[in-house]
Amino acid sequence: MVIYLAMAARSDNVIAFPLHRRRELQGCPHCGRRDDVWQIGRLLWAYCEVHEVRWVVADDAGVTRATINRNELKKGLEFLSTFAEVTR
């Protein structure tokens, strides 16, 4: 007898962002300003264009694949990829 179990698609190569270890940054660590924010998946990233740094300001657990705008996601990833992360 063979039993098949229904399995939900699961990504085992995704590492959750360690929000409990992040520094609380309200603004750029160099000048204190924040130009704007981009939502990348569940994470909300702020950035400073002058110092070219980015950091996580929030995690929105309510975001699902269905609610993500793929065009905005792509633009945000391309834009923020040039900034150094200072969230650690």
PDB file of N, CA and C in Angstrom:
ATOM      1  N   MET A   1       0.838  -1.165   0.000  1.00  0.00           N
ATOM      2  CA  MET A   1       0.000   0.000   0.000  1.00  0.00           C
ATOM      3  C   MET A   1       0.896   1.246   0.000  1.00  0.00           C
ATOM      4  N   VAL A   2       0.574   2.210  -0.860  1.00  0.00           N
ATOM      5  CA  VAL A   2       1.324   3.461  -0.961  1.00  0.00           C
ATOM      6  C   VAL A   2       0.419   4.599  -0.494  1.00  0.00           C
ATOM      7  N   ILE A   3       0.937   5.418   0.400  1.00  0.00           N
ATOM      8  CA  ILE A   3       0.178   6.563   0.898  1.00  0.00           C
ATOM      9  C   ILE A   3       0.859   7.834   0.417  1.00  0.00           C
ATOM     10  N   TYR A   4       0.109   8.683  -0.231  1.00  0.00           N
ATOM     11  CA  TYR A   4       0.635   9.962  -0.697  1.00  0.00           C
ATOM     12  C   TYR A   4       0.128  11.057   0.225  1.00  0.00           C
ATOM     13  N   LEU A   5       1.002  11.892   0.660  1.00  0.00           N
ATOM     14  CA  LEU A   5       0.632  13.022   1.506  1.00  0.00           C
ATOM     15  C   LEU A   5       0.688  14.297   0.684  1.00  0.00           C
ATOM     16  N   ALA A   6      -0.322  15.097   0.798  1.00  0.00           N
ATOM     17  CA  ALA A   6      -0.329  16.394   0.102  1.00  0.00           C
ATOM     18  C   ALA A   6       0.658  17.313   0.806  1.00  0.00           C
ATOM     19  N   MET A   7       1.573  17.852   0.036  1.00  0.00           N
ATOM     20  CA  MET A   7       2.589  18.741   0.618  1.00  0.00           C
ATOM     21  C   MET A   7       2.468  20.116  -0.005  1.00  0.00           C
ATOM     22  N   ALA A   8       2.528  21.090   0.832  1.00  0.00           N
ATOM     23  CA  ALA A   8       2.518  22.476   0.349  1.00  0.00           C
ATOM     24  C   ALA A   8       3.901  22.803  -0.191  1.00  0.00           C
ATOM     25  N   ALA A   9       3.939  23.611  -1.227  1.00  0.00           N
ATOM     26  CA  ALA A   9       5.229  24.039  -1.773  1.00  0.00           C
ATOM     27  C   ALA A   9       5.989  24.809  -0.710  1.00  0.00           C
ATOM     28  N   ARG A  10       7.222  24.429  -0.487  1.00  0.00           N
ATOM     29  CA  ARG A  10       8.014  25.045   0.566  1.00  0.00           C
ATOM     30  C   ARG A  10       9.396  25.392   0.028  1.00  0.00           C
ATOM     31  N   SER A  11       9.861  26.558   0.341  1.00  0.00           N
ATOM     32  CA  SER A  11      11.205  26.952  -0.065  1.00  0.00           C
ATOM     33  C   SER A  11      12.137  26.703   1.102  1.00  0.00           C
ATOM     34  N   ASP A  12      13.056  25.768   0.939  1.00  0.00           N
ATOM     35  CA  ASP A  12      13.983  25.496   2.032  1.00  0.00           C
ATOM     36  C   ASP A  12      15.296  26.245   1.860  1.00  0.00           C
ATOM     37  N   ASN A  13      15.378  27.078   0.830  1.00  0.00           N
ATOM     38  CA  ASN A  13      16.587  27.862   0.623  1.00  0.00           C
ATOM     39  C   ASN A  13      16.412  29.320   1.040  1.00  0.00           C
ATOM     40  N   VAL A  14      15.328  29.635   1.734  1.00  0.00           N
ATOM     41  CA  VAL A  14      15.067  30.991   2.175  1.00  0.00           C
ATOM     42  C   VAL A  14      15.424  31.115   3.652  1.00  0.00           C
ATOM     43  N   ILE A  15      16.284  32.055   3.951  1.00  0.00           N
ATOM     44  CA  ILE A  15      16.686  32.295   5.332  1.00  0.00           C
ATOM     45  C   ILE A  15      15.948  33.532   5.827  1.00  0.00           C
ATOM     46  N   ALA A  16      15.220  33.361   6.902  1.00  0.00           N
ATOM     47  CA  ALA A  16      14.457  34.493   7.450  1.00  0.00           C
ATOM     48  C   ALA A  16      15.406  35.578   7.934  1.00  0.00           C
ATOM     49  N   PHE A  17      15.017  36.827   7.709  1.00  0.00           N
ATOM     50  CA  PHE A  17      15.843  37.948   8.158  1.00  0.00           C
ATOM     51  C   PHE A  17      15.807  37.991   9.683  1.00  0.00           C
ATOM     52  N   PRO A  18      16.944  38.022  10.337  1.00  0.00           N
ATOM     53  CA  PRO A  18      16.969  37.981  11.815  1.00  0.00           C
ATOM     54  C   PRO A  18      16.617  39.331  12.438  1.00  0.00           C
ATOM     55  N   LEU A  19      15.328  39.642  12.471  1.00  0.00           N
ATOM     56  CA  LEU A  19      14.906  40.943  12.965  1.00  0.00           C
ATOM     57  C   LEU A  19      15.279  41.168  14.422  1.00  0.00           C
ATOM     58  N   HIS A  20      15.378  40.104  15.197  1.00  0.00           N
ATOM     59  CA  HIS A  20      15.735  40.258  16.610  1.00  0.00           C
ATOM     60  C   HIS A  20      17.180  40.712  16.782  1.00  0.00           C
ATOM     61  N   ARG A  21      17.999  40.580  15.740  1.00  0.00           N
ATOM     62  CA  ARG A  21      19.409  40.977  15.822  1.00  0.00           C
ATOM     63  C   ARG A  21      19.691  42.314  15.153  1.00  0.00           C
ATOM     64  N   ARG A  22      18.686  42.913  14.533  1.00  0.00           N
ATOM     65  CA  ARG A  22      18.955  44.154  13.800  1.00  0.00           C
ATOM     66  C   ARG A  22      19.076  45.341  14.754  1.00  0.00           C
ATOM     67  N   ARG A  23      19.870  46.297  14.341  1.00  0.00           N
ATOM     68  CA  ARG A  23      19.949  47.558  15.073  1.00  0.00           C
ATOM     69  C   ARG A  23      18.733  48.385  14.723  1.00  0.00           C
ATOM     70  N   GLU A  24      18.196  49.075  15.688  1.00  0.00           N
ATOM     71  CA  GLU A  24      17.062  49.948  15.421  1.00  0.00           C
ATOM     72  C   GLU A  24      17.596  51.247  14.806  1.00  0.00           C
ATOM     73  N   LEU A  25      17.406  51.403  13.524  1.00  0.00           N
ATOM     74  CA  LEU A  25      17.850  52.603  12.823  1.00  0.00           C
ATOM     75  C   LEU A  25      16.637  53.383  12.360  1.00  0.00           C
ATOM     76  N   GLN A  26      16.532  54.591  12.801  1.00  0.00           N
ATOM     77  CA  GLN A  26      15.463  55.477  12.337  1.00  0.00           C
ATOM     78  C   GLN A  26      15.937  56.313  11.157  1.00  0.00           C
ATOM     79  N   GLY A  27      17.242  56.491  11.072  1.00  0.00           N
ATOM     80  CA  GLY A  27      17.820  57.284  10.000  1.00  0.00           C
ATOM     81  C   GLY A  27      19.215  56.782   9.674  1.00  0.00           C
ATOM     82  N   CYS A  28      19.831  57.412   8.710  1.00  0.00           N
ATOM     83  CA  CYS A  28      21.176  57.046   8.275  1.00  0.00           C
ATOM     84  C   CYS A  28      22.141  57.116   9.467  1.00  0.00           C
ATOM     85  N   PRO A  29      22.994  56.111   9.649  1.00  0.00           N
ATOM     86  CA  PRO A  29      23.934  56.158  10.761  1.00  0.00           C
ATOM     87  C   PRO A  29      24.980  57.268  10.618  1.00  0.00           C
ATOM     88  N   HIS A  30      25.115  57.833   9.422  1.00  0.00           N
ATOM     89  CA  HIS A  30      26.092  58.895   9.181  1.00  0.00           C
ATOM     90  C   HIS A  30      25.505  60.293   9.394  1.00  0.00           C
ATOM     91  N   CYS A  31      24.266  60.495   8.887  1.00  0.00           N
ATOM     92  CA  CYS A  31      23.703  61.847   8.942  1.00  0.00           C
ATOM     93  C   CYS A  31      22.324  61.917   9.602  1.00  0.00           C
ATOM     94  N   GLY A  32      21.696  60.787   9.861  1.00  0.00           N
ATOM     95  CA  GLY A  32      20.401  60.768  10.526  1.00  0.00           C
ATOM     96  C   GLY A  32      19.200  60.939   9.616  1.00  0.00           C
ATOM     97  N   ARG A  33      19.422  61.160   8.331  1.00  0.00           N
ATOM     98  CA  ARG A  33      18.290  61.373   7.423  1.00  0.00           C
ATOM     99  C   ARG A  33      17.805  60.058   6.818  1.00  0.00           C
ATOM    100  N   ARG A  34      16.625  60.084   6.252  1.00  0.00           N
ATOM    101  CA  ARG A  34      16.058  58.942   5.529  1.00  0.00           C
ATOM    102  C   ARG A  34      15.359  59.506   4.308  1.00  0.00           C
ATOM    103  N   ASP A  35      15.820  59.121   3.125  1.00  0.00           N
ATOM    104  CA  ASP A  35      15.241  59.672   1.903  1.00  0.00           C
ATOM    105  C   ASP A  35      13.840  59.135   1.626  1.00  0.00           C
ATOM    106  N   ASP A  36      13.676  57.828   1.689  1.00  0.00           N
ATOM    107  CA  ASP A  36      12.386  57.215   1.398  1.00  0.00           C
ATOM    108  C   ASP A  36      12.480  55.747   1.789  1.00  0.00           C
ATOM    109  N   VAL A  37      11.444  54.974   1.457  1.00  0.00           N
ATOM    110  CA  VAL A  37      11.450  53.546   1.757  1.00  0.00           C
ATOM    111  C   VAL A  37      10.961  52.759   0.536  1.00  0.00           C
ATOM    112  N   TRP A  38      11.408  51.519   0.427  1.00  0.00           N
ATOM    113  CA  TRP A  38      10.951  50.576  -0.590  1.00  0.00           C
ATOM    114  C   TRP A  38      10.483  49.322   0.121  1.00  0.00           C
ATOM    115  N   GLN A  39       9.363  48.776  -0.315  1.00  0.00           N
ATOM    116  CA  GLN A  39       8.918  47.501   0.223  1.00  0.00           C
ATOM    117  C   GLN A  39       9.431  46.405  -0.698  1.00  0.00           C
ATOM    118  N   ILE A  40      10.244  45.524  -0.137  1.00  0.00           N
ATOM    119  CA  ILE A  40      10.789  44.388  -0.872  1.00  0.00           C
ATOM    120  C   ILE A  40      10.256  43.136  -0.179  1.00  0.00           C
ATOM    121  N   GLY A  41       9.243  42.538  -0.775  1.00  0.00           N
ATOM    122  CA  GLY A  41       8.603  41.396  -0.128  1.00  0.00           C
ATOM    123  C   GLY A  41       7.959  41.836   1.173  1.00  0.00           C
ATOM    124  N   ARG A  42       8.329  41.168   2.264  1.00  0.00           N
ATOM    125  CA  ARG A  42       7.778  41.517   3.578  1.00  0.00           C
ATOM    126  C   ARG A  42       8.529  42.656   4.242  1.00  0.00           C
ATOM    127  N   LEU A  43       9.745  42.929   3.792  1.00  0.00           N
ATOM    128  CA  LEU A  43      10.589  43.910   4.471  1.00  0.00           C
ATOM    129  C   LEU A  43      10.441  45.305   3.884  1.00  0.00           C
ATOM    130  N   LEU A  44      10.452  46.295   4.759  1.00  0.00           N
ATOM    131  CA  LEU A  44      10.420  47.693   4.365  1.00  0.00           C
ATOM    132  C   LEU A  44      11.824  48.247   4.571  1.00  0.00           C
ATOM    133  N   TRP A  45      12.453  48.671   3.487  1.00  0.00           N
ATOM    134  CA  TRP A  45      13.834  49.162   3.511  1.00  0.00           C
ATOM    135  C   TRP A  45      13.858  50.671   3.365  1.00  0.00           C
ATOM    136  N   ALA A  46      14.565  51.347   4.250  1.00  0.00           N
ATOM    137  CA  ALA A  46      14.809  52.785   4.132  1.00  0.00           C
ATOM    138  C   ALA A  46      16.207  52.963   3.546  1.00  0.00           C
ATOM    139  N   TYR A  47      16.475  54.146   3.012  1.00  0.00           N
ATOM    140  CA  TYR A  47      17.796  54.380   2.426  1.00  0.00           C
ATOM    141  C   TYR A  47      18.193  55.847   2.508  1.00  0.00           C
ATOM    142  N   CYS A  48      19.499  56.072   2.410  1.00  0.00           N
ATOM    143  CA  CYS A  48      20.081  57.415   2.343  1.00  0.00           C
ATOM    144  C   CYS A  48      20.891  57.481   1.059  1.00  0.00           C
ATOM    145  N   GLU A  49      20.467  58.341   0.140  1.00  0.00           N
ATOM    146  CA  GLU A  49      21.167  58.443  -1.147  1.00  0.00           C
ATOM    147  C   GLU A  49      22.539  59.094  -1.019  1.00  0.00           C
ATOM    148  N   VAL A  50      22.700  59.996  -0.070  1.00  0.00           N
ATOM    149  CA  VAL A  50      23.981  60.689   0.101  1.00  0.00           C
ATOM    150  C   VAL A  50      25.083  59.699   0.492  1.00  0.00           C
ATOM    151  N   HIS A  51      24.793  58.827   1.448  1.00  0.00           N
ATOM    152  CA  HIS A  51      25.800  57.879   1.950  1.00  0.00           C
ATOM    153  C   HIS A  51      25.657  56.485   1.357  1.00  0.00           C
ATOM    154  N   GLU A  52      24.663  56.296   0.461  1.00  0.00           N
ATOM    155  CA  GLU A  52      24.427  55.041  -0.249  1.00  0.00           C
ATOM    156  C   GLU A  52      24.339  53.844   0.694  1.00  0.00           C
ATOM    157  N   VAL A  53      23.492  53.980   1.722  1.00  0.00           N
ATOM    158  CA  VAL A  53      23.254  52.895   2.669  1.00  0.00           C
ATOM    159  C   VAL A  53      21.758  52.593   2.749  1.00  0.00           C
ATOM    160  N   ARG A  54      21.430  51.355   3.126  1.00  0.00           N
ATOM    161  CA  ARG A  54      20.042  50.933   3.291  1.00  0.00           C
ATOM    162  C   ARG A  54      19.920  50.124   4.570  1.00  0.00           C
ATOM    163  N   TRP A  55      18.702  50.112   5.156  1.00  0.00           N
ATOM    164  CA  TRP A  55      18.480  49.359   6.382  1.00  0.00           C
ATOM    165  C   TRP A  55      17.008  48.973   6.471  1.00  0.00           C
ATOM    166  N   VAL A  56      16.727  47.915   7.192  1.00  0.00           N
ATOM    167  CA  VAL A  56      15.354  47.441   7.375  1.00  0.00           C
ATOM    168  C   VAL A  56      14.698  48.242   8.484  1.00  0.00           C
ATOM    169  N   VAL A  57      13.476  48.716   8.209  1.00  0.00           N
ATOM    170  CA  VAL A  57      12.737  49.455   9.229  1.00  0.00           C
ATOM    171  C   VAL A  57      11.509  48.704   9.716  1.00  0.00           C
ATOM    172  N   ALA A  58      11.027  47.720   8.948  1.00  0.00           N
ATOM    173  CA  ALA A  58       9.837  46.978   9.375  1.00  0.00           C
ATOM    174  C   ALA A  58       9.720  45.660   8.622  1.00  0.00           C
ATOM    175  N   ASP A  59       8.980  44.744   9.229  1.00  0.00           N
ATOM    176  CA  ASP A  59       8.653  43.452   8.630  1.00  0.00           C
ATOM    177  C   ASP A  59       7.140  43.329   8.641  1.00  0.00           C
ATOM    178  N   ASP A  60       6.543  43.256   7.467  1.00  0.00           N
ATOM    179  CA  ASP A  60       5.088  43.162   7.358  1.00  0.00           C
ATOM    180  C   ASP A  60       4.701  41.718   7.084  1.00  0.00           C
ATOM    181  N   ALA A  61       4.293  41.003   8.119  1.00  0.00           N
ATOM    182  CA  ALA A  61       3.951  39.588   7.995  1.00  0.00           C
ATOM    183  C   ALA A  61       2.685  39.377   7.165  1.00  0.00           C
ATOM    184  N   GLY A  62       1.923  40.421   6.911  1.00  0.00           N
ATOM    185  CA  GLY A  62       0.690  40.297   6.147  1.00  0.00           C
ATOM    186  C   GLY A  62       0.883  40.245   4.641  1.00  0.00           C
ATOM    187  N   VAL A  63       2.106  40.410   4.177  1.00  0.00           N
ATOM    188  CA  VAL A  63       2.379  40.397   2.741  1.00  0.00           C
ATOM    189  C   VAL A  63       2.398  38.952   2.250  1.00  0.00           C
ATOM    190  N   THR A  64       1.694  38.714   1.147  1.00  0.00           N
ATOM    191  CA  THR A  64       1.693  37.389   0.532  1.00  0.00           C
ATOM    192  C   THR A  64       2.146  37.513  -0.911  1.00  0.00           C
ATOM    193  N   ARG A  65       2.381  36.389  -1.544  1.00  0.00           N
ATOM    194  CA  ARG A  65       2.788  36.419  -2.950  1.00  0.00           C
ATOM    195  C   ARG A  65       1.747  37.131  -3.813  1.00  0.00           C
ATOM    196  N   ALA A  66       0.483  36.970  -3.453  1.00  0.00           N
ATOM    197  CA  ALA A  66      -0.594  37.571  -4.249  1.00  0.00           C
ATOM    198  C   ALA A  66      -0.623  39.088  -4.113  1.00  0.00           C
ATOM    199  N   THR A  67      -0.108  39.634  -3.026  1.00  0.00           N
ATOM    200  CA  THR A  67      -0.179  41.084  -2.812  1.00  0.00           C
ATOM    201  C   THR A  67       1.080  41.817  -3.270  1.00  0.00           C
ATOM    202  N   ILE A  68       2.069  41.094  -3.737  1.00  0.00           N
ATOM    203  CA  ILE A  68       3.319  41.727  -4.160  1.00  0.00           C
ATOM    204  C   ILE A  68       3.212  42.198  -5.607  1.00  0.00           C
ATOM    205  N   ASN A  69       3.531  43.455  -5.834  1.00  0.00           N
ATOM    206  CA  ASN A  69       3.577  44.017  -7.178  1.00  0.00           C
ATOM    207  C   ASN A  69       4.963  43.701  -7.746  1.00  0.00           C
ATOM    208  N   ARG A  70       5.020  42.799  -8.689  1.00  0.00           N
ATOM    209  CA  ARG A  70       6.312  42.317  -9.213  1.00  0.00           C
ATOM    210  C   ARG A  70       7.116  43.416  -9.916  1.00  0.00           C
ATOM    211  N   ASN A  71       6.444  44.340 -10.568  1.00  0.00           N
ATOM    212  CA  ASN A  71       7.162  45.438 -11.229  1.00  0.00           C
ATOM    213  C   ASN A  71       7.830  46.337 -10.198  1.00  0.00           C
ATOM    214  N   GLU A  72       7.092  46.673  -9.129  1.00  0.00           N
ATOM    215  CA  GLU A  72       7.664  47.505  -8.063  1.00  0.00           C
ATOM    216  C   GLU A  72       8.783  46.752  -7.340  1.00  0.00           C
ATOM    217  N   LEU A  73       8.592  45.464  -7.141  1.00  0.00           N
ATOM    218  CA  LEU A  73       9.618  44.643  -6.492  1.00  0.00           C
ATOM    219  C   LEU A  73      10.911  44.680  -7.294  1.00  0.00           C
ATOM    220  N   LYS A  74      10.803  44.511  -8.601  1.00  0.00           N
ATOM    221  CA  LYS A  74      11.988  44.530  -9.473  1.00  0.00           C
ATOM    222  C   LYS A  74      12.686  45.894  -9.435  1.00  0.00           C
ATOM    223  N   LYS A  75      11.899  46.972  -9.517  1.00  0.00           N
ATOM    224  CA  LYS A  75      12.479  48.319  -9.460  1.00  0.00           C
ATOM    225  C   LYS A  75      13.200  48.544  -8.130  1.00  0.00           C
ATOM    226  N   GLY A  76      12.552  48.138  -7.040  1.00  0.00           N
ATOM    227  CA  GLY A  76      13.149  48.306  -5.716  1.00  0.00           C
ATOM    228  C   GLY A  76      14.430  47.518  -5.554  1.00  0.00           C
ATOM    229  N   LEU A  77      14.439  46.262  -6.029  1.00  0.00           N
ATOM    230  CA  LEU A  77      15.644  45.438  -5.931  1.00  0.00           C
ATOM    231  C   LEU A  77      16.793  46.030  -6.742  1.00  0.00           C
ATOM    232  N   GLU A  78      16.490  46.495  -7.942  1.00  0.00           N
ATOM    233  CA  GLU A  78      17.527  47.106  -8.781  1.00  0.00           C
ATOM    234  C   GLU A  78      18.074  48.377  -8.140  1.00  0.00           C
ATOM    235  N   PHE A  79      17.183  49.202  -7.603  1.00  0.00           N
ATOM    236  CA  PHE A  79      17.603  50.461  -6.994  1.00  0.00           C
ATOM    237  C   PHE A  79      18.435  50.214  -5.733  1.00  0.00           C
ATOM    238  N   LEU A  80      17.932  49.375  -4.830  1.00  0.00           N
ATOM    239  CA  LEU A  80      18.610  49.169  -3.539  1.00  0.00           C
ATOM    240  C   LEU A  80      19.857  48.302  -3.621  1.00  0.00           C
ATOM    241  N   SER A  81      20.044  47.584  -4.728  1.00  0.00           N
ATOM    242  CA  SER A  81      21.209  46.710  -4.852  1.00  0.00           C
ATOM    243  C   SER A  81      22.524  47.481  -4.856  1.00  0.00           C
ATOM    244  N   THR A  82      22.483  48.771  -5.184  1.00  0.00           N
ATOM    245  CA  THR A  82      23.704  49.572  -5.221  1.00  0.00           C
ATOM    246  C   THR A  82      24.063  50.166  -3.853  1.00  0.00           C
ATOM    247  N   PHE A  83      23.165  50.022  -2.872  1.00  0.00           N
ATOM    248  CA  PHE A  83      23.380  50.586  -1.534  1.00  0.00           C
ATOM    249  C   PHE A  83      23.981  49.532  -0.601  1.00  0.00           C
ATOM    250  N   ALA A  84      24.829  49.955   0.313  1.00  0.00           N
ATOM    251  CA  ALA A  84      25.400  49.047   1.307  1.00  0.00           C
ATOM    252  C   ALA A  84      24.405  48.861   2.443  1.00  0.00           C
ATOM    253  N   GLU A  85      24.259  47.632   2.901  1.00  0.00           N
ATOM    254  CA  GLU A  85      23.324  47.354   4.001  1.00  0.00           C
ATOM    255  C   GLU A  85      23.979  47.654   5.341  1.00  0.00           C
ATOM    256  N   VAL A  86      23.275  48.391   6.200  1.00  0.00           N
ATOM    257  CA  VAL A  86      23.799  48.729   7.522  1.00  0.00           C
ATOM    258  C   VAL A  86      22.859  48.242   8.634  1.00  0.00           C
ATOM    259  N   THR A  87      22.056  47.230   8.329  1.00  0.00           N
ATOM    260  CA  THR A  87      21.073  46.723   9.280  1.00  0.00           C
ATOM    261  C   THR A  87      21.683  45.835  10.337  1.00  0.00           C
ATOM    262  N   ARG A  88      22.808  45.290  10.123  1.00  0.00           N
ATOM    263  CA  ARG A  88      23.392  44.275  11.006  1.00  0.00           C
ATOM    264  C   ARG A  88      23.455  44.660  12.411  1.00  0.00           C
TER     265      ARG A  88
END
